[in-house]
Protein backbone atom coordinates (compact mmCIF):
# COMPACT_ATOMS: atom_id res chain seq x y z
CA MET A 1 5.60 19.48 -29.97
CA VAL A 2 10.05 19.21 -28.45
CA THR A 3 11.78 16.59 -28.88
CA TYR A 4 14.42 15.11 -26.42
CA PRO A 5 16.76 11.96 -26.81
CA GLY A 6 15.42 9.92 -24.98
CA ALA A 7 16.41 7.24 -21.92
CA GLN A 8 16.99 4.16 -24.28
CA GLU A 9 21.21 5.33 -24.46
CA TYR A 10 20.93 5.19 -19.68
CA LEU A 11 19.24 1.46 -19.61
CA PRO A 12 21.45 -0.41 -18.23
CA ASP A 13 22.98 -3.68 -20.56
CA THR A 14 21.55 -6.30 -17.24
CA LEU A 15 17.85 -6.01 -17.04
CA ASP A 16 17.29 -6.62 -13.74
CA LEU A 17 15.10 -3.65 -11.47
CA LEU A 18 18.33 -2.68 -9.11
CA SER A 19 19.69 -1.81 -12.48
CA LEU A 20 17.64 0.47 -13.66
CA ALA A 21 17.00 1.73 -9.94
CA THR A 22 20.64 3.05 -9.77
CA ALA A 23 21.36 4.12 -13.55
CA SER A 24 17.62 5.61 -14.10
CA ARG A 25 19.57 8.07 -11.34
CA GLY A 26 21.78 9.15 -14.20
CA CYS A 27 19.34 9.64 -17.37
CA ARG A 28 19.05 12.96 -18.74
CA GLY A 29 16.49 12.50 -21.21
CA CYS A 30 14.98 14.82 -21.47
CA ASP A 31 14.83 18.70 -19.87
CA LEU A 32 12.97 17.40 -16.21
CA PHE A 33 15.40 16.05 -13.93
CA LYS A 34 17.19 19.59 -13.97
CA ALA A 35 15.03 21.25 -11.94
CA ALA A 36 13.61 17.78 -10.35
CA GLU A 37 15.64 16.96 -6.99
CA ARG A 38 16.08 13.37 -7.76
CA THR A 39 15.05 10.32 -10.20
CA VAL A 40 11.76 8.08 -8.11
CA PHE A 41 11.68 4.63 -10.07
CA GLY A 42 8.79 1.94 -9.46
CA ALA A 43 9.41 -0.21 -6.27
CA GLY A 44 7.24 -3.42 -5.12
CA PRO A 45 8.44 -7.20 -6.00
CA ASP A 46 10.22 -8.11 -9.84
CA ASP A 47 7.66 -10.48 -9.83
CA ALA A 48 4.20 -8.45 -8.88
CA ARG A 49 1.10 -10.07 -11.13
CA MET A 50 -0.47 -6.50 -11.02
CA MET A 51 1.54 -2.91 -11.87
CA LEU A 52 0.07 -0.12 -10.90
CA VAL A 53 1.54 3.04 -13.35
CA GLY A 54 0.71 6.41 -12.40
CA GLU A 55 1.79 9.88 -14.40
CA GLN A 56 5.02 11.28 -12.48
CA PRO A 57 5.97 11.51 -8.88
CA GLY A 58 5.05 14.85 -6.98
CA ASN A 59 6.39 16.57 -4.38
CA GLU A 60 6.67 14.40 -1.92
CA GLU A 61 8.02 11.53 -4.23
CA ASP A 62 10.46 14.11 -4.82
CA LEU A 63 11.88 15.01 -2.00
CA SER A 64 12.30 11.34 -0.69
CA GLY A 65 12.95 9.49 -3.64
CA GLU A 66 9.47 7.24 -3.14
CA PRO A 67 6.61 6.97 -5.36
CA PHE A 68 3.45 7.43 -4.14
CA VAL A 69 4.22 8.75 -0.82
CA GLY A 70 2.90 11.61 -0.58
CA PRO A 71 -1.90 12.02 -0.52
CA ALA A 72 -2.34 10.45 -3.61
CA GLY A 73 0.11 8.04 -2.38
CA ARG A 74 -1.94 7.67 0.81
CA LEU A 75 -5.48 6.92 -0.48
CA LEU A 76 -4.12 4.82 -3.06
CA ASP A 77 -3.09 2.74 -0.11
CA LYS A 78 -6.69 3.19 1.49
CA ALA A 79 -8.22 2.85 -2.02
CA LEU A 80 -5.83 -0.45 -2.86
CA GLU A 81 -6.66 -2.20 1.44
CA ASP A 82 -10.29 -1.79 0.66
CA ALA A 83 -9.88 -3.99 -2.74
CA GLY A 84 -8.77 -6.23 -1.09
CA ILE A 85 -5.14 -5.69 -2.62
CA ASP A 86 -1.53 -5.92 -0.67
CA ARG A 87 0.66 -2.92 -1.25
CA GLU A 88 3.16 -5.20 -1.04
CA THR A 89 2.75 -7.40 -3.72
CA VAL A 90 1.69 -5.25 -6.20
CA TYR A 91 5.00 -3.16 -8.58
CA VAL A 92 4.01 0.28 -8.42
CA THR A 93 6.14 2.91 -10.24
CA ASN A 94 5.56 6.65 -13.28
CA ALA A 95 5.86 6.96 -17.30
CA VAL A 96 7.32 10.10 -16.67
CA LYS A 97 9.91 9.42 -13.43
CA HIS A 98 10.98 13.20 -12.42
CA PHE A 99 8.43 15.79 -10.68
CA ARG A 100 8.08 17.94 -13.16
CA PHE A 101 5.74 21.39 -12.03
CA ASP A 102 6.15 25.38 -11.81
CA ARG A 103 6.16 27.70 -8.57
CA ALA A 104 4.14 29.30 -7.22
CA ALA A 105 4.06 33.02 -6.06
CA GLY A 106 6.80 33.48 -3.88
CA GLY A 107 8.79 30.52 -4.70
CA LYS A 108 8.39 28.59 -2.16
CA ARG A 109 5.18 26.00 -3.47
CA ARG A 110 5.83 23.92 -6.32
CA ILE A 111 2.94 22.82 -8.45
CA HIS A 112 1.82 19.92 -10.39
CA LYS A 113 2.40 20.71 -13.57
CA LYS A 114 1.29 17.65 -16.68
CA PRO A 115 4.28 16.57 -18.32
CA SER A 116 4.43 17.16 -22.06
CA GLY A 117 4.23 14.57 -25.33
CA GLY A 118 7.99 14.89 -25.20
CA GLN A 119 9.06 14.48 -22.50
CA ILE A 120 7.20 11.56 -21.54
CA THR A 121 7.67 9.68 -25.17
CA ALA A 122 10.99 10.49 -23.86
CA CYS A 123 10.59 8.73 -20.02
CA ARG A 124 9.03 5.41 -22.29
CA PRO A 125 11.85 3.35 -22.45
CA TRP A 126 12.21 3.52 -18.40
CA LEU A 127 9.13 1.73 -18.59
CA VAL A 128 8.94 -0.83 -20.97
CA ALA A 129 12.00 -2.05 -19.03
CA GLU A 130 9.67 -1.75 -16.25
CA LEU A 131 6.85 -4.20 -17.97
CA ASP A 132 9.65 -6.43 -19.69
CA VAL A 133 11.45 -7.14 -15.79
CA VAL A 134 8.43 -7.27 -13.94
CA ARG A 135 6.26 -9.18 -16.17
CA PRO A 136 2.78 -8.15 -14.66
CA ASP A 137 -0.24 -9.96 -15.75
CA ILE A 138 -2.48 -7.24 -15.55
CA VAL A 139 -1.30 -3.72 -15.74
CA VAL A 140 -4.17 -0.76 -13.83
CA CYS A 141 -3.23 2.98 -16.20
CA LEU A 142 -3.37 5.43 -13.08
CA GLY A 143 -5.36 7.97 -15.34
CA ALA A 144 -5.07 9.51 -18.49
CA THR A 145 -1.11 9.93 -19.39
CA ALA A 146 -0.01 6.56 -17.49
CA ALA A 147 -2.56 4.94 -20.18
CA GLN A 148 -1.76 7.51 -23.21
CA ALA A 149 1.76 6.00 -22.80
CA LEU A 150 1.22 2.49 -22.48
CA ILE A 151 -2.36 1.81 -25.08
CA GLY A 152 -1.89 5.23 -27.38
CA LYS A 153 -1.79 8.97 -27.32
CA ASN A 154 -5.35 9.27 -28.62
CA PHE A 155 -6.42 6.93 -25.97
CA LYS A 156 -9.59 8.84 -23.52
CA LEU A 157 -10.42 7.87 -20.14
CA THR A 158 -14.17 9.18 -20.38
CA GLU A 159 -14.70 6.81 -23.38
CA HIS A 160 -11.85 3.16 -21.74
CA ARG A 161 -12.46 2.96 -18.82
CA GLY A 162 -12.74 0.10 -16.47
CA GLU A 163 -11.99 -1.82 -19.90
CA VAL A 164 -10.10 -4.54 -19.75
CA MET A 165 -7.30 -3.92 -23.12
CA GLN A 166 -3.86 -4.22 -24.36
CA LEU A 167 -1.18 -2.82 -24.12
CA GLY A 168 -0.62 -0.18 -27.45
CA ASP A 169 0.12 -1.72 -31.18
CA ASP A 170 3.47 -1.03 -30.82
CA LEU A 171 4.61 -2.68 -27.39
CA ARG A 172 2.35 -6.32 -27.25
CA GLY A 173 4.78 -9.25 -29.05
CA SER A 174 7.09 -6.34 -30.21
CA ASP A 175 10.95 -6.27 -29.73
CA LEU A 176 11.16 -3.95 -26.77
CA LEU A 177 8.98 -6.61 -24.62
CA GLY A 178 8.67 -9.98 -26.51
CA ARG A 179 6.26 -12.10 -24.90
CA VAL A 180 4.75 -9.65 -22.47
CA ASP A 181 0.99 -9.22 -23.28
CA PRO A 182 -1.01 -8.26 -19.69
CA ALA A 183 -4.74 -7.60 -19.39
CA VAL A 184 -4.85 -3.21 -18.71
CA VAL A 185 -6.86 -2.05 -17.28
CA ALA A 186 -6.66 1.82 -16.97
CA THR A 187 -8.87 3.85 -13.91
CA ILE A 188 -8.91 7.81 -12.65
CA HIS A 189 -5.77 8.80 -10.50
CA PRO A 190 -5.41 9.22 -6.47
CA SER A 191 -5.04 12.84 -7.18
CA ALA A 192 -8.18 13.24 -8.71
CA ALA A 193 -10.47 11.39 -6.09
CA LEU A 194 -8.79 13.72 -4.27
CA ARG A 195 -9.53 17.02 -6.15
CA ALA A 196 -12.87 16.00 -6.73
CA ARG A 197 -15.41 18.85 -5.34
CA VAL A 198 -19.17 17.76 -5.72
CA ASP A 199 -18.95 13.86 -4.15
CA ARG A 200 -15.31 12.48 -3.79
CA GLU A 201 -16.21 9.68 -2.26
CA GLU A 202 -17.91 8.01 -4.78
CA ALA A 203 -14.60 9.29 -6.63
CA PHE A 204 -12.48 7.03 -4.39
CA GLU A 205 -15.51 4.68 -4.65
CA SER A 206 -15.53 3.88 -8.00
CA LEU A 207 -11.35 3.66 -7.32
CA VAL A 208 -12.00 0.85 -5.38
CA ARG A 209 -13.95 -0.69 -8.11
CA ASP A 210 -12.12 -0.30 -10.69
CA LEU A 211 -9.04 -1.96 -8.47
CA GLN A 212 -11.23 -4.47 -7.73
CA ARG A 213 -12.83 -5.09 -11.37
CA ALA A 214 -8.91 -5.66 -12.02
CA ALA A 215 -7.77 -7.47 -9.44
CA GLY A 216 -10.10 -9.79 -10.47
CA LEU A 217 -8.76 -10.68 -14.10
CA LEU A 218 -5.52 -12.52 -11.93
């Protein structure tokens, strides 16, 4: 696995969401900044009781600089609404803040590519800092990548989806986060419901049920 210097040295001295978002634009902790249009930091209230964590920004997010505004984000909005959760009250972010992609034949269309383990690790200080500032009661991991970043690299969504868990031992109660100890629930990423070939409606409804379960813990 390729190793990178990581984002730690780019964190600001003052930890608040505005300072973090501003500092993240200059992050060179891994190589993803080279091809991406912009850093896509999290968004939402700094006192949100629920935090949603996805994998990485997509094409529309990379162009706009805002998280979850593309097709998966619009589906997430609908799932939150159906689950009785006001998106304006939750904090949404990603484990990786830059879009990783391959070019399609012809060179115009950009196709999502899963970030590597080294890139996820390099970007993790931003996610840890967001947790430290927001201090949510519930964290919902949208997909395996987010769960692996927060629970552990061996996490398998197929085995632990919907369970109420905790942050990984290296985070919980550590100097990184102090007393931050939210409940953690993992579910599918909204993009997985979009890609479902057999029963897209059931995939969406299962996402709604997991969000309801998480909200019920508040």
